[in-house]
Amino acid sequence: MNSQREITSVRVQIFGEEHIVRGSAAPDYIKQLAASIDARLQEVHASNPLLPRHQAAILVALNIANELEQLKEEHEELLALLKEAD
């Protein structure tokens, strides 16, 4: 029995462009991620309509990277607290 998921292709719309995303995640999950990215790009564009598309994408990527780093720090702090509690 193979425990790896099959690679699938999913067609998504991000910032008015169609993309084919290939991955082993469930198609609905990939669509959810794409919708999240699209929403963030739309938000950046709404507040900065003259910002070029590639710069909006970089700004969104930086915001997501920042959120990830903050979550990593929180995770490490929680692990340390759990270790202290033992």
N, C-alpha and C. Protein backbone atom coordinates (compact mmCIF):
# COMPACT_ATOMS: atom_id res chain seq x y z
N MET A 1 0.83 -1.18 0.00
CA MET A 1 0.00 0.00 0.00
C MET A 1 0.88 1.25 0.00
N ASN A 2 0.62 2.18 -0.87
CA ASN A 2 1.40 3.40 -1.01
C ASN A 2 0.80 4.49 -0.13
N SER A 3 1.62 5.04 0.78
CA SER A 3 1.11 6.07 1.70
C SER A 3 1.20 7.47 1.11
N GLN A 4 1.87 7.62 -0.04
CA GLN A 4 1.98 8.93 -0.66
C GLN A 4 0.74 9.24 -1.47
N ARG A 5 0.35 10.51 -1.44
CA ARG A 5 -0.82 10.94 -2.22
C ARG A 5 -0.41 11.13 -3.67
N GLU A 6 -1.38 10.94 -4.51
CA GLU A 6 -1.18 11.13 -5.94
C GLU A 6 -1.01 12.62 -6.25
N ILE A 7 -0.15 12.92 -7.20
CA ILE A 7 0.03 14.30 -7.65
C ILE A 7 -1.16 14.66 -8.54
N THR A 8 -1.79 15.78 -8.22
CA THR A 8 -2.92 16.25 -9.02
C THR A 8 -2.64 17.65 -9.54
N SER A 9 -3.35 18.03 -10.58
CA SER A 9 -3.27 19.38 -11.12
C SER A 9 -4.59 20.08 -10.85
N VAL A 10 -4.49 21.31 -10.38
CA VAL A 10 -5.68 22.09 -10.04
C VAL A 10 -5.58 23.44 -10.74
N ARG A 11 -6.65 23.83 -11.39
CA ARG A 11 -6.71 25.13 -12.08
C ARG A 11 -7.28 26.15 -11.09
N VAL A 12 -6.52 27.24 -10.87
CA VAL A 12 -6.94 28.28 -9.93
C VAL A 12 -6.81 29.65 -10.57
N GLN A 13 -7.52 30.62 -10.02
CA GLN A 13 -7.43 32.02 -10.44
C GLN A 13 -6.78 32.80 -9.30
N ILE A 14 -5.69 33.49 -9.62
CA ILE A 14 -5.03 34.35 -8.64
C ILE A 14 -4.77 35.69 -9.30
N PHE A 15 -5.37 36.71 -8.74
CA PHE A 15 -5.19 38.09 -9.20
C PHE A 15 -5.50 38.22 -10.69
N GLY A 16 -6.59 37.55 -11.09
CA GLY A 16 -7.07 37.65 -12.46
C GLY A 16 -6.34 36.78 -13.46
N GLU A 17 -5.41 35.97 -13.00
CA GLU A 17 -4.66 35.09 -13.89
C GLU A 17 -4.94 33.64 -13.54
N GLU A 18 -5.02 32.81 -14.57
CA GLU A 18 -5.24 31.38 -14.35
C GLU A 18 -3.89 30.69 -14.19
N HIS A 19 -3.83 29.81 -13.20
CA HIS A 19 -2.61 29.05 -12.93
C HIS A 19 -2.97 27.58 -12.75
N ILE A 20 -2.08 26.72 -13.16
CA ILE A 20 -2.21 25.29 -12.90
C ILE A 20 -1.23 24.97 -11.77
N VAL A 21 -1.76 24.46 -10.67
CA VAL A 21 -0.94 24.12 -9.51
C VAL A 21 -0.92 22.60 -9.39
N ARG A 22 0.28 22.05 -9.36
CA ARG A 22 0.43 20.60 -9.19
C ARG A 22 0.93 20.33 -7.78
N GLY A 23 0.33 19.34 -7.13
CA GLY A 23 0.77 18.99 -5.79
C GLY A 23 0.06 17.77 -5.27
N SER A 24 0.50 17.31 -4.13
CA SER A 24 -0.09 16.11 -3.52
C SER A 24 -1.19 16.44 -2.53
N ALA A 25 -1.42 17.73 -2.28
CA ALA A 25 -2.50 18.13 -1.37
C ALA A 25 -3.84 17.95 -2.07
N ALA A 26 -4.87 17.90 -1.27
CA ALA A 26 -6.23 17.76 -1.81
C ALA A 26 -6.55 18.98 -2.68
N PRO A 27 -7.24 18.78 -3.79
CA PRO A 27 -7.59 19.90 -4.67
C PRO A 27 -8.31 21.04 -3.95
N ASP A 28 -9.21 20.72 -3.05
CA ASP A 28 -9.92 21.77 -2.32
C ASP A 28 -8.98 22.60 -1.45
N TYR A 29 -7.98 21.95 -0.89
CA TYR A 29 -7.00 22.66 -0.07
C TYR A 29 -6.17 23.61 -0.94
N ILE A 30 -5.75 23.14 -2.11
CA ILE A 30 -4.99 23.99 -3.03
C ILE A 30 -5.84 25.19 -3.45
N LYS A 31 -7.12 24.95 -3.74
CA LYS A 31 -8.02 26.05 -4.11
C LYS A 31 -8.17 27.03 -2.96
N GLN A 32 -8.22 26.54 -1.75
CA GLN A 32 -8.34 27.40 -0.56
C GLN A 32 -7.09 28.27 -0.42
N LEU A 33 -5.92 27.69 -0.62
CA LEU A 33 -4.68 28.47 -0.54
C LEU A 33 -4.66 29.54 -1.62
N ALA A 34 -5.03 29.17 -2.84
CA ALA A 34 -5.06 30.13 -3.94
C ALA A 34 -6.03 31.27 -3.65
N ALA A 35 -7.18 30.94 -3.09
CA ALA A 35 -8.17 31.97 -2.75
C ALA A 35 -7.62 32.92 -1.68
N SER A 36 -6.86 32.39 -0.75
CA SER A 36 -6.26 33.21 0.29
C SER A 36 -5.23 34.17 -0.30
N ILE A 37 -4.39 33.67 -1.19
CA ILE A 37 -3.40 34.52 -1.85
C ILE A 37 -4.10 35.58 -2.70
N ASP A 38 -5.13 35.17 -3.43
CA ASP A 38 -5.87 36.11 -4.26
C ASP A 38 -6.48 37.22 -3.41
N ALA A 39 -7.06 36.86 -2.28
CA ALA A 39 -7.67 37.86 -1.39
C ALA A 39 -6.62 38.85 -0.88
N ARG A 40 -5.45 38.36 -0.53
CA ARG A 40 -4.39 39.24 -0.04
C ARG A 40 -3.91 40.18 -1.14
N LEU A 41 -3.76 39.64 -2.36
CA LEU A 41 -3.34 40.48 -3.47
C LEU A 41 -4.40 41.54 -3.79
N GLN A 42 -5.67 41.15 -3.75
CA GLN A 42 -6.75 42.11 -3.99
C GLN A 42 -6.74 43.21 -2.93
N GLU A 43 -6.47 42.84 -1.70
CA GLU A 43 -6.42 43.81 -0.60
C GLU A 43 -5.27 44.80 -0.79
N VAL A 44 -4.09 44.28 -1.15
CA VAL A 44 -2.94 45.15 -1.40
C VAL A 44 -3.23 46.07 -2.58
N HIS A 45 -3.81 45.52 -3.63
CA HIS A 45 -4.13 46.33 -4.81
C HIS A 45 -5.15 47.42 -4.49
N ALA A 46 -6.13 47.09 -3.67
CA ALA A 46 -7.16 48.07 -3.31
C ALA A 46 -6.56 49.25 -2.55
N SER A 47 -5.57 48.98 -1.71
CA SER A 47 -4.97 50.07 -0.94
C SER A 47 -3.81 50.74 -1.67
N ASN A 48 -3.29 50.09 -2.73
CA ASN A 48 -2.18 50.64 -3.52
C ASN A 48 -2.43 50.38 -5.00
N PRO A 49 -3.43 51.01 -5.60
CA PRO A 49 -3.81 50.66 -6.98
C PRO A 49 -2.73 50.91 -8.03
N LEU A 50 -1.76 51.75 -7.75
CA LEU A 50 -0.71 52.02 -8.73
C LEU A 50 0.50 51.11 -8.58
N LEU A 51 0.49 50.27 -7.55
CA LEU A 51 1.61 49.35 -7.29
C LEU A 51 1.64 48.28 -8.38
N PRO A 52 2.79 48.08 -9.04
CA PRO A 52 2.87 47.03 -10.05
C PRO A 52 2.57 45.65 -9.46
N ARG A 53 2.04 44.78 -10.29
CA ARG A 53 1.60 43.45 -9.85
C ARG A 53 2.73 42.67 -9.16
N HIS A 54 3.92 42.71 -9.72
CA HIS A 54 5.02 41.94 -9.13
C HIS A 54 5.39 42.49 -7.75
N GLN A 55 5.29 43.80 -7.57
CA GLN A 55 5.59 44.37 -6.26
C GLN A 55 4.51 44.02 -5.25
N ALA A 56 3.26 43.97 -5.69
CA ALA A 56 2.17 43.54 -4.81
C ALA A 56 2.41 42.10 -4.37
N ALA A 57 2.83 41.25 -5.31
CA ALA A 57 3.10 39.85 -4.99
C ALA A 57 4.25 39.72 -3.99
N ILE A 58 5.29 40.54 -4.16
CA ILE A 58 6.42 40.51 -3.22
C ILE A 58 5.97 40.97 -1.84
N LEU A 59 5.15 42.01 -1.79
CA LEU A 59 4.65 42.51 -0.51
C LEU A 59 3.81 41.45 0.20
N VAL A 60 2.96 40.75 -0.54
CA VAL A 60 2.16 39.68 0.05
C VAL A 60 3.07 38.55 0.54
N ALA A 61 4.07 38.19 -0.25
CA ALA A 61 5.01 37.14 0.16
C ALA A 61 5.75 37.52 1.44
N LEU A 62 6.18 38.76 1.54
CA LEU A 62 6.86 39.22 2.75
C LEU A 62 5.93 39.18 3.96
N ASN A 63 4.68 39.58 3.77
CA ASN A 63 3.71 39.53 4.87
C ASN A 63 3.48 38.10 5.34
N ILE A 64 3.36 37.17 4.40
CA ILE A 64 3.15 35.76 4.76
C ILE A 64 4.39 35.20 5.45
N ALA A 65 5.58 35.55 4.94
CA ALA A 65 6.82 35.09 5.58
C ALA A 65 6.92 35.61 7.01
N ASN A 66 6.52 36.87 7.23
CA ASN A 66 6.53 37.44 8.56
C ASN A 66 5.58 36.69 9.49
N GLU A 67 4.38 36.40 9.00
CA GLU A 67 3.41 35.65 9.80
C GLU A 67 3.96 34.26 10.15
N LEU A 68 4.61 33.62 9.20
CA LEU A 68 5.19 32.30 9.45
C LEU A 68 6.27 32.36 10.53
N GLU A 69 7.14 33.35 10.44
CA GLU A 69 8.20 33.49 11.43
C GLU A 69 7.63 33.75 12.82
N GLN A 70 6.59 34.58 12.90
CA GLN A 70 5.95 34.84 14.20
C GLN A 70 5.33 33.56 14.76
N LEU A 71 4.69 32.77 13.91
CA LEU A 71 4.10 31.52 14.36
C LEU A 71 5.17 30.53 14.82
N LYS A 72 6.30 30.50 14.13
CA LYS A 72 7.41 29.63 14.55
C LYS A 72 7.90 30.02 15.94
N GLU A 73 8.05 31.33 16.17
CA GLU A 73 8.49 31.80 17.48
C GLU A 73 7.50 31.43 18.56
N GLU A 74 6.21 31.63 18.29
CA GLU A 74 5.17 31.27 19.26
C GLU A 74 5.19 29.78 19.53
N HIS A 75 5.38 29.00 18.50
CA HIS A 75 5.43 27.54 18.64
C HIS A 75 6.60 27.14 19.54
N GLU A 76 7.76 27.72 19.30
CA GLU A 76 8.94 27.42 20.12
C GLU A 76 8.71 27.82 21.57
N GLU A 77 8.08 28.98 21.79
CA GLU A 77 7.78 29.42 23.15
C GLU A 77 6.82 28.46 23.84
N LEU A 78 5.80 28.00 23.12
CA LEU A 78 4.86 27.05 23.71
C LEU A 78 5.53 25.72 24.02
N LEU A 79 6.41 25.26 23.13
CA LEU A 79 7.14 24.02 23.40
C LEU A 79 8.02 24.16 24.63
N ALA A 80 8.66 25.32 24.79
CA ALA A 80 9.50 25.56 25.97
C ALA A 80 8.66 25.56 27.24
N LEU A 81 7.48 26.19 27.19
CA LEU A 81 6.60 26.20 28.35
C LEU A 81 6.13 24.78 28.70
N LEU A 82 5.81 24.00 27.69
CA LEU A 82 5.40 22.62 27.95
C LEU A 82 6.53 21.81 28.55
N LYS A 83 7.75 22.04 28.08
CA LYS A 83 8.90 21.33 28.61
C LYS A 83 9.14 21.70 30.08
N GLU A 84 8.96 22.98 30.39
CA GLU A 84 9.11 23.44 31.78
C GLU A 84 8.05 22.82 32.68
N ALA A 85 6.85 22.63 32.16
CA ALA A 85 5.73 22.10 32.95
C ALA A 85 5.93 20.63 33.30
N ASP A 86 6.76 19.93 32.52
CA ASP A 86 6.97 18.49 32.80
C ASP A 86 7.76 18.24 34.02
